[in-house]
C-alpha atoms as a PDB file:
ATOM      1  CA  MET A   1     -10.393  88.804 122.167  1.00  0.00           C
ATOM      2  CA  ARG A   2     -10.531  92.323 120.336  1.00  0.00           C
ATOM      3  CA  ARG A   3      -7.838  93.495 123.069  1.00  0.00           C
ATOM      4  CA  GLN A   4      -5.529  90.645 121.858  1.00  0.00           C
ATOM      5  CA  HIS A   5      -5.866  91.225 118.145  1.00  0.00           C
ATOM      6  CA  ALA A   6      -4.924  94.954 118.906  1.00  0.00           C
ATOM      7  CA  ILE A   7      -2.105  93.864 120.883  1.00  0.00           C
ATOM      8  CA  LYS A   8      -0.919  91.605 118.064  1.00  0.00           C
ATOM      9  CA  ARG A   9      -1.485  94.208 115.358  1.00  0.00           C
ATOM     10  CA  ARG A  10       0.748  96.827 117.434  1.00  0.00           C
ATOM     11  CA  ALA A  11       3.393  93.989 117.662  1.00  0.00           C
ATOM     12  CA  LEU A  12       3.607  93.593 113.881  1.00  0.00           C
ATOM     13  CA  LEU A  13       3.770  97.365 113.107  1.00  0.00           C
ATOM     14  CA  GLY A  14       6.410  97.738 115.519  1.00  0.00           C
ATOM     15  CA  MET A  15       8.348  94.935 113.936  1.00  0.00           C
ATOM     16  CA  LEU A  16       7.735  96.364 110.573  1.00  0.00           C
ATOM     17  CA  LEU A  17       8.865  99.635 111.970  1.00  0.00           C
ATOM     18  CA  ILE A  18      12.050  98.409 113.253  1.00  0.00           C
ATOM     19  CA  ILE A  19      12.765  96.384 109.767  1.00  0.00           C
ATOM     20  CA  LEU A  20      12.011  99.569 107.878  1.00  0.00           C
ATOM     21  CA  THR A  21      14.552 101.348 110.083  1.00  0.00           C
ATOM     22  CA  VAL A  22      17.108  98.734 109.859  1.00  0.00           C
ATOM     23  CA  GLY A  23      16.883  98.738 106.119  1.00  0.00           C
ATOM     24  CA  LEU A  24      17.119 102.674 105.960  1.00  0.00           C
ATOM     25  CA  CYS A  25      20.177 102.372 107.948  1.00  0.00           C
ATOM     26  CA  GLY A  26      21.771  99.525 105.911  1.00  0.00           C
ATOM     27  CA  CYS A  27      20.980 101.730 102.574  1.00  0.00           C
ATOM     28  CA  SER A  28      22.869 104.746 104.105  1.00  0.00           C
ATOM     29  CA  SER A  29      25.840 102.559 105.118  1.00  0.00           C
ATOM     30  CA  LEU A  30      26.053 101.146 101.787  1.00  0.00           C
ATOM     31  CA  GLN A  31      26.195 104.406  99.878  1.00  0.00           C
ATOM     32  CA  GLN A  32      28.972 105.521 102.409  1.00  0.00           C
ATOM     33  CA  TRP A  33      30.908 102.259 101.652  1.00  0.00           C
ATOM     34  CA  GLU A  34      30.514 103.267  97.867  1.00  0.00           C
ATOM     35  CA  SER A  35      31.509 106.700  98.283  1.00  0.00           C
ATOM     36  CA  SER A  36      34.469 105.693 100.193  1.00  0.00           C
ATOM     37  CA  GLU A  37      35.355 102.987  97.594  1.00  0.00           C
ATOM     38  CA  LEU A  38      35.543 100.314 100.355  1.00  0.00           C
ATOM     39  CA  MET A  39      33.559  97.801  98.709  1.00  0.00           C
ATOM     40  CA  GLY A  40      34.525  95.296  96.209  1.00  0.00           C
ATOM     41  CA  HIS A  41      33.853  97.173  93.019  1.00  0.00           C
ATOM     42  CA  GLY A  42      35.675 100.377  94.585  1.00  0.00           C
ATOM     43  CA  VAL A  43      39.159  98.547  94.734  1.00  0.00           C
ATOM     44  CA  ALA A  44      38.579  97.314  91.152  1.00  0.00           C
ATOM     45  CA  ASN A  45      38.466 101.118  90.262  1.00  0.00           C
ATOM     46  CA  ALA A  46      41.614 101.775  91.814  1.00  0.00           C
ATOM     47  CA  ALA A  47      44.770 102.473  90.031  1.00  0.00           C
ATOM     48  CA  THR A  48      46.424  99.544  88.676  1.00  0.00           C
ATOM     49  CA  PRO A  49      49.997  98.618  89.336  1.00  0.00           C
ATOM     50  CA  THR A  50      51.034  99.631  85.805  1.00  0.00           C
ATOM     51  CA  GLU A  51      49.634 103.365  86.520  1.00  0.00           C
ATOM     52  CA  THR A  52      51.073 103.632  90.138  1.00  0.00           C
ATOM     53  CA  ALA A  53      53.367 101.284  91.353  1.00  0.00           C
ATOM     54  CA  SER A  54      55.625 100.514  88.313  1.00  0.00           C
ATOM     55  CA  PRO A  55      59.240 101.746  88.215  1.00  0.00           C
ATOM     56  CA  GLU A  56      58.327 103.087  84.746  1.00  0.00           C
ATOM     57  CA  ALA A  57      55.466 105.044  85.693  1.00  0.00           C
ATOM     58  CA  THR A  58      56.980 106.600  88.695  1.00  0.00           C
ATOM     59  CA  ALA A  59      60.403 107.207  87.140  1.00  0.00           C
ATOM     60  CA  PRO A  60      60.415 110.993  85.425  1.00  0.00           C
ATOM     61  CA  SER A  61      60.251 111.022  81.765  1.00  0.00           C
ATOM     62  CA  THR A  62      63.736 111.781  80.117  1.00  0.00           C
ATOM     63  CA  GLU A  63      61.860 113.755  77.343  1.00  0.00           C
ATOM     64  CA  SER A  64      60.931 116.348  79.873  1.00  0.00           C
ATOM     65  CA  LEU A  65      64.480 116.793  81.236  1.00  0.00           C
ATOM     66  CA  THR A  66      67.204 118.756  80.195  1.00  0.00           C
ATOM     67  CA  PRO A  67      70.541 117.380  79.341  1.00  0.00           C
ATOM     68  CA  THR A  68      71.924 117.925  82.695  1.00  0.00           C
ATOM     69  CA  GLU A  69      69.187 115.819  84.254  1.00  0.00           C
ATOM     70  CA  THR A  70      69.727 112.899  82.277  1.00  0.00           C
ATOM     71  CA  VAL A  71      72.634 110.259  82.555  1.00  0.00           C
ATOM     72  CA  LYS A  72      76.023 112.086  82.759  1.00  0.00           C
ATOM     73  CA  GLN A  73      78.045 111.694  79.612  1.00  0.00           C
ATOM     74  CA  PRO A  74      81.730 111.196  79.770  1.00  0.00           C
ATOM     75  CA  PRO A  75      83.834 114.115  79.022  1.00  0.00           C
ATOM     76  CA  LYS A  76      85.074 114.695  75.467  1.00  0.00           C
ATOM     77  CA  THR A  77      88.613 114.164  74.759  1.00  0.00           C
ATOM     78  CA  GLU A  78      90.263 116.978  72.931  1.00  0.00           C
ATOM     79  CA  ILE A  79      92.293 115.449  70.059  1.00  0.00           C
ATOM     80  CA  PRO A  80      95.098 117.929  69.061  1.00  0.00           C
ATOM     81  CA  PRO A  81      95.294 118.864  65.607  1.00  0.00           C
ATOM     82  CA  GLU A  82      98.143 116.825  63.635  1.00  0.00           C
ATOM     83  CA  VAL A  83     101.408 118.342  63.673  1.00  0.00           C
ATOM     84  CA  ASN A  84     102.745 119.347  60.364  1.00  0.00           C
ATOM     85  CA  LYS A  85     106.132 117.687  60.224  1.00  0.00           C
ATOM     86  CA  THR A  86     107.716 120.568  58.384  1.00  0.00           C
ATOM     87  CA  GLU A  87     106.678 122.895  60.949  1.00  0.00           C
ATOM     88  CA  ILE A  88     109.275 121.023  63.391  1.00  0.00           C
ATOM     89  CA  TYR A  89     111.908 121.809  60.914  1.00  0.00           C
ATOM     90  CA  LYS A  90     110.710 125.210  60.208  1.00  0.00           C
ATOM     91  CA  ASN A  91     113.330 127.457  61.773  1.00  0.00           C
ATOM     92  CA  ARG A  92     116.194 124.754  61.702  1.00  0.00           C
ATOM     93  CA  LYS A  93     119.105 124.545  59.077  1.00  0.00           C
ATOM     94  CA  LEU A  94     119.207 120.967  57.920  1.00  0.00           C
ATOM     95  CA  VAL A  95     122.260 119.336  55.750  1.00  0.00           C
ATOM     96  CA  ALA A  96     122.927 115.765  55.027  1.00  0.00           C
ATOM     97  CA  LEU A  97     126.322 114.097  54.868  1.00  0.00           C
ATOM     98  CA  THR A  98     126.545 111.316  52.369  1.00  0.00           C
ATOM     99  CA  PHE A  99     129.234 108.838  51.608  1.00  0.00           C
ATOM    100  CA  ASP A 100     129.501 106.388  48.370  1.00  0.00           C
ATOM    101  CA  ASP A 101     130.952 103.320  47.427  1.00  0.00           C
ATOM    102  CA  GLY A 102     131.630 101.930  50.692  1.00  0.00           C
ATOM    103  CA  PRO A 103     131.744  99.803  52.834  1.00  0.00           C
ATOM    104  CA  ASP A 104     135.304  98.716  53.228  1.00  0.00           C
ATOM    105  CA  GLY A 105     137.519  97.535  55.974  1.00  0.00           C
ATOM    106  CA  LYS A 106     139.603 100.849  56.492  1.00  0.00           C
ATOM    107  CA  TYR A 107     138.109 104.042  55.775  1.00  0.00           C
ATOM    108  CA  THR A 108     134.319 103.504  56.277  1.00  0.00           C
ATOM    109  CA  THR A 109     135.096 102.435  60.050  1.00  0.00           C
ATOM    110  CA  GLN A 110     137.123 105.400  60.576  1.00  0.00           C
ATOM    111  CA  ILE A 111     134.165 107.600  59.247  1.00  0.00           C
ATOM    112  CA  LEU A 112     131.899 105.917  61.688  1.00  0.00           C
ATOM    113  CA  ASP A 113     134.053 106.477  64.708  1.00  0.00           C
ATOM    114  CA  ILE A 114     134.149 110.224  63.777  1.00  0.00           C
ATOM    115  CA  LEU A 115     130.466 110.527  63.328  1.00  0.00           C
ATOM    116  CA  HIS A 116     129.871 108.645  66.694  1.00  0.00           C
ATOM    117  CA  GLU A 117     132.101 110.888  68.276  1.00  0.00           C
ATOM    118  CA  ARG A 118     130.300 113.986  67.267  1.00  0.00           C
ATOM    119  CA  ASN A 119     126.781 112.267  67.559  1.00  0.00           C
ATOM    120  CA  VAL A 120     126.218 113.003  63.696  1.00  0.00           C
ATOM    121  CA  LYS A 121     123.926 110.877  61.458  1.00  0.00           C
ATOM    122  CA  ALA A 122     124.812 110.368  57.591  1.00  0.00           C
ATOM    123  CA  THR A 123     123.651 108.366  54.878  1.00  0.00           C
ATOM    124  CA  PHE A 124     125.794 105.840  53.191  1.00  0.00           C
ATOM    125  CA  PHE A 125     125.177 104.689  49.429  1.00  0.00           C
ATOM    126  CA  LEU A 126     126.736 101.086  49.429  1.00  0.00           C
ATOM    127  CA  VAL A 127     127.866  99.110  46.501  1.00  0.00           C
ATOM    128  CA  GLY A 128     126.710  95.474  46.490  1.00  0.00           C
ATOM    129  CA  GLN A 129     129.850  93.912  45.849  1.00  0.00           C
ATOM    130  CA  GLN A 130     131.454  95.634  48.732  1.00  0.00           C
ATOM    131  CA  VAL A 131     128.419  94.774  51.141  1.00  0.00           C
ATOM    132  CA  ASN A 132     129.270  91.039  50.080  1.00  0.00           C
ATOM    133  CA  LYS A 133     132.999  91.596  51.210  1.00  0.00           C
ATOM    134  CA  TYR A 134     132.259  93.535  54.606  1.00  0.00           C
ATOM    135  CA  PRO A 135     128.687  92.549  55.800  1.00  0.00           C
ATOM    136  CA  GLU A 136     129.731  93.581  59.271  1.00  0.00           C
ATOM    137  CA  VAL A 137     130.642  96.950  58.507  1.00  0.00           C
ATOM    138  CA  ALA A 138     127.374  97.479  56.646  1.00  0.00           C
ATOM    139  CA  LYS A 139     125.643  96.127  59.796  1.00  0.00           C
ATOM    140  CA  ARG A 140     127.457  98.574  61.841  1.00  0.00           C
ATOM    141  CA  ILE A 141     126.360 101.479  59.668  1.00  0.00           C
ATOM    142  CA  VAL A 142     122.596 100.589  60.431  1.00  0.00           C
ATOM    143  CA  GLU A 143     123.374  99.845  63.948  1.00  0.00           C
ATOM    144  CA  ASP A 144     124.896 103.180  64.539  1.00  0.00           C
ATOM    145  CA  GLY A 145     121.714 104.871  63.471  1.00  0.00           C
ATOM    146  CA  HIS A 146     122.772 105.990  59.946  1.00  0.00           C
ATOM    147  CA  SER A 147     120.851 105.328  56.791  1.00  0.00           C
ATOM    148  CA  VAL A 148     121.823 103.301  53.990  1.00  0.00           C
ATOM    149  CA  GLY A 149     121.256 103.426  50.258  1.00  0.00           C
ATOM    150  CA  ASN A 150     121.561 101.507  46.969  1.00  0.00           C
ATOM    151  CA  HIS A 151     124.527 102.510  45.040  1.00  0.00           C
ATOM    152  CA  SER A 152     124.265  99.564  42.393  1.00  0.00           C
ATOM    153  CA  TRP A 153     126.115  96.033  42.433  1.00  0.00           C
ATOM    154  CA  SER A 154     129.208  96.850  40.559  1.00  0.00           C
ATOM    155  CA  HIS A 155     129.454 100.604  40.242  1.00  0.00           C
ATOM    156  CA  LEU A 156     128.376 100.629  36.380  1.00  0.00           C
ATOM    157  CA  ASP A 157     126.990 103.655  34.527  1.00  0.00           C
ATOM    158  CA  LEU A 158     123.390 102.447  34.715  1.00  0.00           C
ATOM    159  CA  THR A 159     122.322 104.706  31.657  1.00  0.00           C
ATOM    160  CA  LYS A 160     124.606 102.683  29.399  1.00  0.00           C
ATOM    161  CA  GLN A 161     123.021  99.157  30.720  1.00  0.00           C
ATOM    162  CA  SER A 162     120.340  97.125  29.353  1.00  0.00           C
ATOM    163  CA  SER A 163     117.006  97.110  31.018  1.00  0.00           C
ATOM    164  CA  LYS A 164     117.874  93.611  32.428  1.00  0.00           C
ATOM    165  CA  SER A 165     121.354  94.383  33.556  1.00  0.00           C
ATOM    166  CA  ARG A 166     120.041  97.760  35.084  1.00  0.00           C
ATOM    167  CA  ASP A 167     117.400  95.728  37.180  1.00  0.00           C
ATOM    168  CA  GLN A 168     120.182  93.215  38.200  1.00  0.00           C
ATOM    169  CA  GLU A 169     122.544  95.992  39.328  1.00  0.00           C
ATOM    170  CA  ILE A 170     119.605  97.416  41.631  1.00  0.00           C
ATOM    171  CA  ASP A 171     117.924  94.139  42.753  1.00  0.00           C
ATOM    172  CA  LYS A 172     121.033  92.237  43.598  1.00  0.00           C
ATOM    173  CA  THR A 173     122.241  95.136  45.662  1.00  0.00           C
ATOM    174  CA  GLN A 174     118.880  95.688  47.485  1.00  0.00           C
ATOM    175  CA  LYS A 175     119.326  91.829  48.370  1.00  0.00           C
ATOM    176  CA  ALA A 176     122.794  92.005  49.801  1.00  0.00           C
ATOM    177  CA  ILE A 177     121.995  95.348  51.870  1.00  0.00           C
ATOM    178  CA  LEU A 178     118.842  93.507  53.450  1.00  0.00           C
ATOM    179  CA  ASP A 179     120.839  90.212  54.097  1.00  0.00           C
ATOM    180  CA  ALA A 180     123.643  92.228  55.696  1.00  0.00           C
ATOM    181  CA  THR A 181     121.679  94.806  57.622  1.00  0.00           C
ATOM    182  CA  GLY A 182     118.052  93.650  57.964  1.00  0.00           C
ATOM    183  CA  VAL A 183     117.000  97.045  55.944  1.00  0.00           C
ATOM    184  CA  THR A 184     115.747  97.363  52.552  1.00  0.00           C
ATOM    185  CA  PRO A 185     117.099 100.610  51.149  1.00  0.00           C
ATOM    186  CA  VAL A 186     114.279 103.178  49.844  1.00  0.00           C
ATOM    187  CA  LEU A 187     117.075 105.537  48.508  1.00  0.00           C
ATOM    188  CA  MET A 188     119.241 105.184  45.376  1.00  0.00           C
ATOM    189  CA  ARG A 189     121.991 107.105  44.138  1.00  0.00           C
ATOM    190  CA  ALA A 190     123.177 105.909  40.627  1.00  0.00           C
ATOM    191  CA  PRO A 191     126.834 105.831  40.123  1.00  0.00           C
ATOM    192  CA  TYR A 192     128.358 109.105  38.966  1.00  0.00           C
ATOM    193  CA  GLY A 193     124.970 110.349  39.355  1.00  0.00           C
ATOM    194  CA  ALA A 194     124.263 109.318  35.851  1.00  0.00           C
ATOM    195  CA  ILE A 195     120.740 109.355  35.291  1.00  0.00           C
ATOM    196  CA  SER A 196     118.121 108.924  32.552  1.00  0.00           C
ATOM    197  CA  LYS A 197     114.315 108.420  32.472  1.00  0.00           C
ATOM    198  CA  SER A 198     114.801 104.769  31.972  1.00  0.00           C
ATOM    199  CA  VAL A 199     116.866 104.667  35.184  1.00  0.00           C
ATOM    200  CA  LEU A 200     114.472 107.058  37.002  1.00  0.00           C
ATOM    201  CA  ASP A 201     111.597 104.627  35.959  1.00  0.00           C
ATOM    202  CA  SER A 202     113.549 101.647  37.286  1.00  0.00           C
ATOM    203  CA  VAL A 203     114.279 103.407  40.447  1.00  0.00           C
ATOM    204  CA  ARG A 204     110.723 104.725  41.094  1.00  0.00           C
ATOM    205  CA  GLY A 205     109.159 101.353  39.969  1.00  0.00           C
ATOM    206  CA  ARG A 206     110.654 100.003  43.126  1.00  0.00           C
ATOM    207  CA  ASP A 207     109.169 102.632  45.302  1.00  0.00           C
ATOM    208  CA  MET A 208     112.827 104.509  45.676  1.00  0.00           C
ATOM    209  CA  LYS A 209     113.704 107.840  45.517  1.00  0.00           C
ATOM    210  CA  HIS A 210     117.002 108.739  43.720  1.00  0.00           C
ATOM    211  CA  VAL A 211     119.106 111.153  45.450  1.00  0.00           C
ATOM    212  CA  TYR A 212     121.728 113.671  43.967  1.00  0.00           C
ATOM    213  CA  TRP A 213     123.946 116.413  45.796  1.00  0.00           C
ATOM    214  CA  THR A 214     124.310 120.019  46.079  1.00  0.00           C
ATOM    215  CA  VAL A 215     128.107 120.093  47.045  1.00  0.00           C
ATOM    216  CA  ASP A 216     130.512 117.661  45.413  1.00  0.00           C
ATOM    217  CA  THR A 217     133.842 117.512  47.290  1.00  0.00           C
ATOM    218  CA  LYS A 218     135.451 115.669  44.663  1.00  0.00           C
ATOM    219  CA  ASP A 219     137.408 113.648  47.496  1.00  0.00           C
ATOM    220  CA  TRP A 220     137.969 110.745  45.475  1.00  0.00           C
ATOM    221  CA  ALA A 221     140.204 112.770  43.339  1.00  0.00           C
ATOM    222  CA  GLY A 222     142.757 113.242  45.957  1.00  0.00           C
ATOM    223  CA  THR A 223     141.630 117.096  46.329  1.00  0.00           C
ATOM    224  CA  SER A 224     143.513 118.845  49.165  1.00  0.00           C
ATOM    225  CA  VAL A 225     141.641 119.206  52.436  1.00  0.00           C
ATOM    226  CA  GLN A 226     142.007 123.010  52.320  1.00  0.00           C
ATOM    227  CA  THR A 227     140.176 123.086  48.793  1.00  0.00           C
ATOM    228  CA  MET A 228     137.411 120.797  49.814  1.00  0.00           C
ATOM    229  CA  TYR A 229     136.798 122.605  53.056  1.00  0.00           C
ATOM    230  CA  LYS A 230     136.562 126.005  51.320  1.00  0.00           C
ATOM    231  CA  ASN A 231     134.179 124.420  48.849  1.00  0.00           C
ATOM    232  CA  VAL A 232     132.057 122.918  51.567  1.00  0.00           C
ATOM    233  CA  MET A 233     131.973 126.141  53.564  1.00  0.00           C
ATOM    234  CA  ALA A 234     131.189 128.402  50.863  1.00  0.00           C
ATOM    235  CA  ASN A 235     128.421 126.239  49.214  1.00  0.00           C
ATOM    236  CA  THR A 236     126.393 124.440  51.823  1.00  0.00           C
ATOM    237  CA  ASN A 237     122.977 125.948  52.387  1.00  0.00           C
ATOM    238  CA  LYS A 238     119.873 124.990  54.294  1.00  0.00           C
ATOM    239  CA  GLY A 239     118.701 121.608  52.892  1.00  0.00           C
ATOM    240  CA  GLY A 240     121.957 120.877  51.223  1.00  0.00           C
ATOM    241  CA  VAL A 241     123.319 117.307  50.585  1.00  0.00           C
ATOM    242  CA  VAL A 242     127.111 116.798  50.825  1.00  0.00           C
ATOM    243  CA  LEU A 243     128.827 114.336  48.518  1.00  0.00           C
ATOM    244  CA  MET A 244     131.711 112.355  49.945  1.00  0.00           C
ATOM    245  CA  HIS A 245     133.280 108.899  49.539  1.00  0.00           C
ATOM    246  CA  SER A 246     133.931 106.143  52.153  1.00  0.00           C
ATOM    247  CA  PHE A 247     136.070 104.036  49.702  1.00  0.00           C
ATOM    248  CA  GLY A 248     137.485 104.118  46.323  1.00  0.00           C
ATOM    249  CA  GLY A 249     139.133 107.093  44.253  1.00  0.00           C
ATOM    250  CA  ARG A 250     142.829 107.494  43.796  1.00  0.00           C
ATOM    251  CA  LYS A 251     145.340 106.068  46.051  1.00  0.00           C
ATOM    252  CA  HIS A 252     144.988 107.543  49.626  1.00  0.00           C
ATOM    253  CA  ALA A 253     142.428 109.886  48.395  1.00  0.00           C
ATOM    254  CA  ILE A 254     139.899 109.042  51.091  1.00  0.00           C
ATOM    255  CA  GLU A 255     142.461 109.759  53.693  1.00  0.00           C
ATOM    256  CA  HIS A 256     141.840 113.372  52.901  1.00  0.00           C
ATOM    257  CA  THR A 257     138.178 112.841  53.780  1.00  0.00           C
ATOM    258  CA  ILE A 258     139.047 111.332  56.977  1.00  0.00           C
ATOM    259  CA  LYS A 259     140.963 114.608  57.745  1.00  0.00           C
ATOM    260  CA  LEU A 260     137.980 116.738  56.468  1.00  0.00           C
ATOM    261  CA  LEU A 261     135.019 115.391  58.006  1.00  0.00           C
ATOM    262  CA  PRO A 262     135.701 116.752  61.698  1.00  0.00           C
ATOM    263  CA  LEU A 263     136.571 120.008  60.399  1.00  0.00           C
ATOM    264  CA  ILE A 264     133.386 120.660  58.373  1.00  0.00           C
ATOM    265  CA  ILE A 265     131.210 119.010  61.069  1.00  0.00           C
ATOM    266  CA  ASP A 266     132.349 121.307  63.501  1.00  0.00           C
ATOM    267  CA  ASP A 267     132.331 124.506  61.731  1.00  0.00           C
ATOM    268  CA  LEU A 268     128.970 123.986  59.939  1.00  0.00           C
ATOM    269  CA  GLN A 269     127.586 123.285  63.617  1.00  0.00           C
ATOM    270  CA  ALA A 270     129.177 126.780  64.583  1.00  0.00           C
ATOM    271  CA  LYS A 271     127.252 128.347  61.773  1.00  0.00           C
ATOM    272  CA  GLY A 272     123.871 126.618  62.896  1.00  0.00           C
ATOM    273  CA  TYR A 273     123.547 123.717  60.794  1.00  0.00           C
ATOM    274  CA  GLU A 274     122.252 120.484  61.979  1.00  0.00           C
ATOM    275  CA  PHE A 275     123.083 116.957  60.126  1.00  0.00           C
ATOM    276  CA  VAL A 276     120.491 114.457  59.397  1.00  0.00           C
ATOM    277  CA  THR A 277     119.777 111.521  57.027  1.00  0.00           C
ATOM    278  CA  VAL A 278     118.542 112.004  53.713  1.00  0.00           C
ATOM    279  CA  ASP A 279     115.478 110.259  54.864  1.00  0.00           C
ATOM    280  CA  GLU A 280     115.104 112.906  57.505  1.00  0.00           C
ATOM    281  CA  LEU A 281     115.851 115.785  55.073  1.00  0.00           C
ATOM    282  CA  ILE A 282     113.085 114.819  52.691  1.00  0.00           C
ATOM    283  CA  ALA A 283     110.516 114.504  55.839  1.00  0.00           C
ATOM    284  CA  SER A 284     111.582 118.004  56.644  1.00  0.00           C
ATOM    285  CA  GLY A 285     110.414 119.535  53.347  1.00  0.00           C
ATOM    286  CA  GLN A 286     113.856 121.195  52.978  1.00  0.00           C
ATOM    287  CA  SER A 287     115.104 118.904  50.145  1.00  0.00           C
ATOM    288  CA  ARG A 288     115.090 120.257  46.889  1.00  0.00           C
ATOM    289  CA  ALA A 289     113.120 118.747  43.850  1.00  0.00           C
ATOM    290  CA  SER A 290     116.551 118.901  41.609  1.00  0.00           C
ATOM    291  CA  VAL A 291     118.232 116.668  44.240  1.00  0.00           C
ATOM    292  CA  ILE A 292     115.324 114.249  45.221  1.00  0.00           C
ATOM    293  CA  LYS A 293     113.657 112.641  42.141  1.00  0.00           C
END
């Protein structure tokens, strides 16, 4: 009997020993799992997606990069400085040929033919009544590339007109030229070159400029071709404005102008002059304050 009890005690002690051994091994394994973060709370302690997996977290910070490492910027386009218009004409000798009192059906067209043959541009100061009579000639002037200006409606001395009459002389001509050519003049030459403060106020009040001259051929008086030629060649300078007529004057006077024109064009060009419209002369900076008002 005692022997059986001793056997049972040894069996119980053995079982306890086995249980104790297994328990110790389990604790050791548990510590290893914790240390290797393989248990549930170890996964929870792992880095979250926003810390490791998101594009924002993995992308390099632009603050720590130099400009060459950031997004490439398109190359800047160099804008050249604005060209000063006067520089274009600086070393050129410009002169403007001008014709008053037209258009008509005889002389103005001959003048246009000569200018066309020599590829020369000029400025025509037109009388309103004449534009009404010869609108097709006025239209051709513009179509040929010439400039047109206002020379009043009926060629009256504007300094002797009332304010109302003066305004009508200017405005009726503006409308006639616009209707015939599609162009509204920005230049004015008062008949006889007669101006006053009130005349200039009327001109400037319409955003126009008054144009005088530097060389008067006096062609309207029937002056000889030789005399006019000498006058033009001796007195034309850089920035000059030559006054001639395409209609009017004494009988057959403008026939002398027709003969004079090709001579002065050829010989002034031979001296290095270029012919431009009054508009271009103003833009060039070569015009004179005494001429353009």
